[in-house]
C-alpha atoms as a PDB file:
ATOM      1  CA  MET A   1      -7.993 -47.307  53.085  1.00  0.00           C
ATOM      2  CA  LYS A   2      -8.405 -43.538  52.770  1.00  0.00           C
ATOM      3  CA  ALA A   3      -5.834 -40.855  52.128  1.00  0.00           C
ATOM      4  CA  PHE A   4      -6.268 -37.107  52.466  1.00  0.00           C
ATOM      5  CA  LEU A   5      -3.827 -34.904  50.525  1.00  0.00           C
ATOM      6  CA  ASP A   6      -3.171 -31.163  50.462  1.00  0.00           C
ATOM      7  CA  GLY A   7      -0.516 -29.049  48.844  1.00  0.00           C
ATOM      8  CA  SER A   8       1.128 -25.663  48.969  1.00  0.00           C
ATOM      9  CA  GLY A   9       3.310 -23.623  46.681  1.00  0.00           C
ATOM     10  CA  ASP A  10       3.233 -22.556  43.051  1.00  0.00           C
ATOM     11  CA  LYS A  11       5.646 -21.850  40.200  1.00  0.00           C
ATOM     12  CA  ALA A  12       7.055 -18.782  42.002  1.00  0.00           C
ATOM     13  CA  SER A  13       7.682 -20.645  45.292  1.00  0.00           C
ATOM     14  CA  ASP A  14      11.023 -22.053  46.420  1.00  0.00           C
ATOM     15  CA  PHE A  15       9.365 -25.435  46.968  1.00  0.00           C
ATOM     16  CA  LEU A  16       6.105 -27.115  46.063  1.00  0.00           C
ATOM     17  CA  VAL A  17       4.859 -29.584  48.664  1.00  0.00           C
ATOM     18  CA  LEU A  18       2.110 -32.185  48.583  1.00  0.00           C
ATOM     19  CA  THR A  19       1.492 -33.922  51.912  1.00  0.00           C
ATOM     20  CA  GLY A  20      -1.055 -36.515  52.831  1.00  0.00           C
ATOM     21  CA  VAL A  21      -2.125 -38.867  55.569  1.00  0.00           C
ATOM     22  CA  ALA A  22      -3.224 -42.413  54.796  1.00  0.00           C
ATOM     23  CA  ALA A  23      -4.850 -44.882  57.164  1.00  0.00           C
ATOM     24  CA  GLN A  24      -7.109 -47.876  57.150  1.00  0.00           C
ATOM     25  CA  ASP A  25     -10.833 -47.233  57.370  1.00  0.00           C
ATOM     26  CA  TYR A  26     -11.108 -48.347  61.003  1.00  0.00           C
ATOM     27  CA  LEU A  27      -8.705 -45.595  62.086  1.00  0.00           C
ATOM     28  CA  TRP A  28     -10.675 -42.902  60.253  1.00  0.00           C
ATOM     29  CA  ASP A  29     -13.868 -44.278  61.822  1.00  0.00           C
ATOM     30  CA  ARG A  30     -12.284 -43.799  65.277  1.00  0.00           C
ATOM     31  CA  PHE A  31     -10.584 -40.513  64.394  1.00  0.00           C
ATOM     32  CA  GLU A  32     -13.410 -38.529  62.806  1.00  0.00           C
ATOM     33  CA  PRO A  33     -15.824 -38.312  65.806  1.00  0.00           C
ATOM     34  CA  GLY A  34     -13.058 -37.067  68.132  1.00  0.00           C
ATOM     35  CA  TRP A  35     -11.760 -34.642  65.491  1.00  0.00           C
ATOM     36  CA  SER A  36     -15.277 -33.278  65.033  1.00  0.00           C
ATOM     37  CA  GLU A  37     -15.561 -32.797  68.779  1.00  0.00           C
ATOM     38  CA  VAL A  38     -12.293 -30.832  68.869  1.00  0.00           C
ATOM     39  CA  LEU A  39     -13.512 -28.562  66.059  1.00  0.00           C
ATOM     40  CA  GLN A  40     -16.964 -28.018  67.547  1.00  0.00           C
ATOM     41  CA  ASN A  41     -16.143 -27.777  71.257  1.00  0.00           C
ATOM     42  CA  ARG A  42     -15.400 -24.045  71.079  1.00  0.00           C
ATOM     43  CA  SER A  43     -16.835 -20.690  70.203  1.00  0.00           C
ATOM     44  CA  PRO A  44     -16.867 -19.974  67.380  1.00  0.00           C
ATOM     45  CA  ILE A  45     -17.238 -23.501  66.052  1.00  0.00           C
ATOM     46  CA  ALA A  46     -14.776 -24.538  63.334  1.00  0.00           C
ATOM     47  CA  SER A  47     -16.141 -26.542  60.415  1.00  0.00           C
ATOM     48  CA  GLN A  48     -12.636 -27.677  59.424  1.00  0.00           C
ATOM     49  CA  LEU A  49      -8.968 -27.040  60.058  1.00  0.00           C
ATOM     50  CA  HIS A  50      -7.086 -25.379  57.213  1.00  0.00           C
ATOM     51  CA  THR A  51      -3.881 -24.234  58.854  1.00  0.00           C
ATOM     52  CA  VAL A  52      -2.999 -21.585  56.268  1.00  0.00           C
ATOM     53  CA  ASP A  53      -6.335 -19.848  56.816  1.00  0.00           C
ATOM     54  CA  LEU A  54      -6.216 -20.401  60.579  1.00  0.00           C
ATOM     55  CA  LEU A  55      -2.786 -18.815  61.053  1.00  0.00           C
ATOM     56  CA  ALA A  56      -3.608 -15.954  58.676  1.00  0.00           C
ATOM     57  CA  GLY A  57      -6.953 -15.290  60.349  1.00  0.00           C
ATOM     58  CA  ALA A  58      -8.574 -15.650  56.922  1.00  0.00           C
ATOM     59  CA  LYS A  59     -11.828 -17.000  55.519  1.00  0.00           C
ATOM     60  CA  GLU A  60     -13.662 -19.001  58.187  1.00  0.00           C
ATOM     61  CA  PHE A  61     -11.055 -17.966  60.784  1.00  0.00           C
ATOM     62  CA  SER A  62     -11.346 -14.214  60.219  1.00  0.00           C
ATOM     63  CA  ARG A  63     -11.484 -11.753  63.100  1.00  0.00           C
ATOM     64  CA  THR A  64     -14.952 -10.688  61.892  1.00  0.00           C
ATOM     65  CA  ASN A  65     -16.125 -14.280  62.472  1.00  0.00           C
ATOM     66  CA  GLY A  66     -14.958 -14.083  66.084  1.00  0.00           C
ATOM     67  CA  TRP A  67     -11.553 -15.744  65.728  1.00  0.00           C
ATOM     68  CA  THR A  68      -8.888 -13.994  67.798  1.00  0.00           C
ATOM     69  CA  GLN A  69      -5.248 -15.003  67.588  1.00  0.00           C
ATOM     70  CA  GLU A  70      -5.606 -16.786  70.938  1.00  0.00           C
ATOM     71  CA  LYS A  71      -8.611 -18.779  69.713  1.00  0.00           C
ATOM     72  CA  CYS A  72      -6.776 -19.761  66.522  1.00  0.00           C
ATOM     73  CA  TRP A  73      -3.749 -21.018  68.474  1.00  0.00           C
ATOM     74  CA  ALA A  74      -5.992 -22.848  70.950  1.00  0.00           C
ATOM     75  CA  LEU A  75      -7.695 -24.700  68.081  1.00  0.00           C
ATOM     76  CA  LEU A  76      -4.361 -25.609  66.510  1.00  0.00           C
ATOM     77  CA  TRP A  77      -2.946 -26.968  69.782  1.00  0.00           C
ATOM     78  CA  ASP A  78      -6.146 -28.871  70.570  1.00  0.00           C
ATOM     79  CA  CYS A  79      -5.925 -30.536  67.153  1.00  0.00           C
ATOM     80  CA  VAL A  80      -2.251 -31.416  67.698  1.00  0.00           C
ATOM     81  CA  LYS A  81      -3.002 -32.847  71.148  1.00  0.00           C
ATOM     82  CA  TYR A  82      -5.835 -34.952  69.728  1.00  0.00           C
ATOM     83  CA  ALA A  83      -3.628 -36.265  66.907  1.00  0.00           C
ATOM     84  CA  GLN A  84      -1.062 -37.303  69.527  1.00  0.00           C
ATOM     85  CA  THR A  85      -3.566 -39.794  70.953  1.00  0.00           C
ATOM     86  CA  LEU A  86      -3.457 -41.879  67.755  1.00  0.00           C
ATOM     87  CA  ASP A  87      -1.334 -45.009  67.379  1.00  0.00           C
ATOM     88  CA  LYS A  88       1.422 -43.861  65.029  1.00  0.00           C
ATOM     89  CA  LEU A  89       1.710 -47.340  63.494  1.00  0.00           C
ATOM     90  CA  ASP A  90      -1.857 -47.116  62.184  1.00  0.00           C
ATOM     91  CA  PHE A  91      -1.284 -44.253  59.762  1.00  0.00           C
ATOM     92  CA  ARG A  92       1.413 -42.838  57.535  1.00  0.00           C
ATOM     93  CA  VAL A  93       2.340 -39.323  56.446  1.00  0.00           C
ATOM     94  CA  PHE A  94       3.587 -38.947  52.879  1.00  0.00           C
ATOM     95  CA  THR A  95       5.297 -35.862  51.503  1.00  0.00           C
ATOM     96  CA  CYS A  96       6.419 -34.999  47.992  1.00  0.00           C
ATOM     97  CA  THR A  97       8.603 -31.898  47.687  1.00  0.00           C
ATOM     98  CA  ILE A  98       9.722 -30.299  44.427  1.00  0.00           C
ATOM     99  CA  ASP A  99      12.695 -27.938  44.491  1.00  0.00           C
ATOM    100  CA  MET A 100      11.220 -25.273  42.236  1.00  0.00           C
ATOM    101  CA  GLY A 101      14.578 -23.550  41.710  1.00  0.00           C
ATOM    102  CA  ALA A 102      15.988 -26.770  40.248  1.00  0.00           C
ATOM    103  CA  TYR A 103      12.759 -27.321  38.299  1.00  0.00           C
ATOM    104  CA  ARG A 104      12.926 -23.833  36.736  1.00  0.00           C
ATOM    105  CA  GLU A 105      16.634 -24.287  35.953  1.00  0.00           C
ATOM    106  CA  LEU A 106      16.047 -27.596  34.175  1.00  0.00           C
ATOM    107  CA  LYS A 107      13.084 -26.167  32.224  1.00  0.00           C
ATOM    108  CA  ALA A 108      15.204 -23.146  31.184  1.00  0.00           C
ATOM    109  CA  LYS A 109      17.826 -25.558  29.803  1.00  0.00           C
ATOM    110  CA  GLY A 110      15.152 -27.112  27.584  1.00  0.00           C
ATOM    111  CA  ASN A 111      14.508 -30.284  29.573  1.00  0.00           C
ATOM    112  CA  ARG A 112      11.059 -31.753  29.001  1.00  0.00           C
ATOM    113  CA  LEU A 113       9.503 -32.157  32.414  1.00  0.00           C
ATOM    114  CA  PRO A 114       5.979 -32.957  33.459  1.00  0.00           C
ATOM    115  CA  GLY A 115       4.068 -30.239  35.256  1.00  0.00           C
ATOM    116  CA  TYR A 116       5.240 -29.713  38.825  1.00  0.00           C
ATOM    117  CA  TYR A 117       1.804 -30.556  40.255  1.00  0.00           C
ATOM    118  CA  ALA A 118       1.667 -33.689  38.118  1.00  0.00           C
ATOM    119  CA  MET A 119       4.983 -34.959  39.516  1.00  0.00           C
ATOM    120  CA  CYS A 120       3.728 -35.062  43.096  1.00  0.00           C
ATOM    121  CA  SER A 121       0.221 -36.152  42.161  1.00  0.00           C
ATOM    122  CA  ARG A 122       1.621 -39.027  40.162  1.00  0.00           C
ATOM    123  CA  PHE A 123       3.869 -40.540  42.812  1.00  0.00           C
ATOM    124  CA  SER A 124       1.989 -39.895  46.031  1.00  0.00           C
ATOM    125  CA  PRO A 125      -0.640 -42.560  45.214  1.00  0.00           C
ATOM    126  CA  GLU A 126       2.161 -45.016  44.391  1.00  0.00           C
ATOM    127  CA  LEU A 127       3.767 -44.582  47.804  1.00  0.00           C
ATOM    128  CA  ILE A 128       0.442 -44.735  49.608  1.00  0.00           C
ATOM    129  CA  LEU A 129      -0.604 -47.944  47.865  1.00  0.00           C
ATOM    130  CA  LYS A 130       2.818 -49.522  48.379  1.00  0.00           C
ATOM    131  CA  TRP A 131       2.636 -48.756  52.118  1.00  0.00           C
ATOM    132  CA  TYR A 132      -0.892 -50.135  52.357  1.00  0.00           C
ATOM    133  CA  LEU A 133      -0.031 -53.365  50.540  1.00  0.00           C
ATOM    134  CA  GLU A 134       3.013 -53.889  52.757  1.00  0.00           C
ATOM    135  CA  LYS A 135       1.045 -53.110  55.935  1.00  0.00           C
ATOM    136  CA  MET A 136      -1.715 -55.528  54.950  1.00  0.00           C
ATOM    137  CA  ASN A 137       0.871 -58.084  53.765  1.00  0.00           C
ATOM    138  CA  ILE A 138      -0.705 -58.167  50.315  1.00  0.00           C
ATOM    139  CA  ASN A 139       1.647 -59.438  47.645  1.00  0.00           C
ATOM    140  CA  SER A 140       0.059 -58.134  44.484  1.00  0.00           C
ATOM    141  CA  ARG A 141       0.937 -56.482  41.219  1.00  0.00           C
ATOM    142  CA  PHE A 142      -1.039 -53.348  40.588  1.00  0.00           C
ATOM    143  CA  SER A 143      -1.192 -50.211  38.519  1.00  0.00           C
ATOM    144  CA  TRP A 144      -3.613 -47.326  38.285  1.00  0.00           C
ATOM    145  CA  ARG A 145      -4.520 -44.406  36.094  1.00  0.00           C
ATOM    146  CA  LEU A 146      -4.825 -40.849  37.355  1.00  0.00           C
ATOM    147  CA  SER A 147      -5.810 -39.638  33.909  1.00  0.00           C
ATOM    148  CA  PRO A 148      -5.994 -41.097  30.405  1.00  0.00           C
ATOM    149  CA  GLY A 149      -2.631 -42.360  29.259  1.00  0.00           C
ATOM    150  CA  LYS A 150       0.008 -44.808  30.390  1.00  0.00           C
ATOM    151  CA  PRO A 151      -0.542 -46.801  33.574  1.00  0.00           C
ATOM    152  CA  THR A 152       1.618 -45.810  36.498  1.00  0.00           C
ATOM    153  CA  GLY A 153       2.685 -47.883  39.464  1.00  0.00           C
ATOM    154  CA  PRO A 154       5.545 -49.803  41.033  1.00  0.00           C
ATOM    155  CA  ASN A 155       5.642 -52.361  38.201  1.00  0.00           C
ATOM    156  CA  ARG A 156       6.599 -49.682  35.712  1.00  0.00           C
ATOM    157  CA  SER A 157      10.271 -49.010  35.068  1.00  0.00           C
ATOM    158  CA  ARG A 158      11.576 -45.633  36.174  1.00  0.00           C
ATOM    159  CA  PRO A 159      14.442 -43.766  34.453  1.00  0.00           C
ATOM    160  CA  ALA A 160      17.654 -42.870  36.230  1.00  0.00           C
ATOM    161  CA  PRO A 161      17.430 -39.954  38.672  1.00  0.00           C
ATOM    162  CA  THR A 162      17.744 -36.473  37.186  1.00  0.00           C
ATOM    163  CA  PRO A 163      19.559 -33.471  38.706  1.00  0.00           C
ATOM    164  CA  LEU A 164      16.191 -32.379  40.154  1.00  0.00           C
ATOM    165  CA  HIS A 165      15.857 -35.753  41.899  1.00  0.00           C
ATOM    166  CA  ARG A 166      19.350 -35.518  43.345  1.00  0.00           C
ATOM    167  CA  SER A 167      18.803 -31.916  44.483  1.00  0.00           C
ATOM    168  CA  CYS A 168      15.478 -32.779  46.061  1.00  0.00           C
ATOM    169  CA  ALA A 169      16.702 -36.031  47.595  1.00  0.00           C
ATOM    170  CA  ARG A 170      19.435 -34.160  49.480  1.00  0.00           C
ATOM    171  CA  ARG A 171      16.769 -32.002  51.118  1.00  0.00           C
ATOM    172  CA  CYS A 172      14.055 -34.648  51.502  1.00  0.00           C
ATOM    173  CA  ASN A 173      15.874 -37.809  52.474  1.00  0.00           C
ATOM    174  CA  PRO A 174      14.682 -38.518  56.009  1.00  0.00           C
ATOM    175  CA  ARG A 175      17.020 -39.684  58.747  1.00  0.00           C
ATOM    176  CA  PRO A 176      16.472 -43.254  59.976  1.00  0.00           C
ATOM    177  CA  GLY A 177      13.608 -43.478  62.431  1.00  0.00           C
ATOM    178  CA  LYS A 178      11.635 -40.582  60.953  1.00  0.00           C
ATOM    179  CA  ALA A 179       7.944 -41.311  60.530  1.00  0.00           C
ATOM    180  CA  ARG A 180       7.665 -39.639  57.140  1.00  0.00           C
ATOM    181  CA  ARG A 181       8.111 -41.063  53.682  1.00  0.00           C
ATOM    182  CA  HIS A 182       9.325 -38.581  51.089  1.00  0.00           C
ATOM    183  CA  ALA A 183       8.882 -38.870  47.329  1.00  0.00           C
ATOM    184  CA  CYS A 184      11.284 -36.766  45.332  1.00  0.00           C
ATOM    185  CA  TRP A 185      11.837 -38.120  41.863  1.00  0.00           C
ATOM    186  CA  LEU A 186      10.789 -37.476  38.326  1.00  0.00           C
ATOM    187  CA  PRO A 187       8.805 -39.958  36.249  1.00  0.00           C
END
């Protein structure tokens, strides 16, 4: 199983978001050649898709590199169309969102909170592994370490939700039938 994660936002943002896609190896093996073809079947050739840069016409996607607004949008839509060919049961999208206004408010009141990046980085692997074990019908106890310190994982007790959790859960809780899983709690 592989998972690719990316984030956006910082301490001045309204929200900090970490989103990732996880799938079994066989899906990535099928996905990557077609994705490469979508990126390379154009002029100029794209080495990757980083949407922030693409939509801003920045870095690789700059106007000086030959990327017009029309070419940027064409690449984006070609990538979306290719992704639509995938069996949606074979992969999962995970999103962790931190309400930075609530985070700043709690910090200002003296609450001891982990770093905002650490919150999402800590729980995204837990959700991804839980999904994978359920999908593969593996009944196992597990834990992992992202850095030196206490193990983390589903077998660890979690304290009651904080005001940040409740604030975030109101915004993040998906409606039934949504394909996304959202993680919005504090350790």
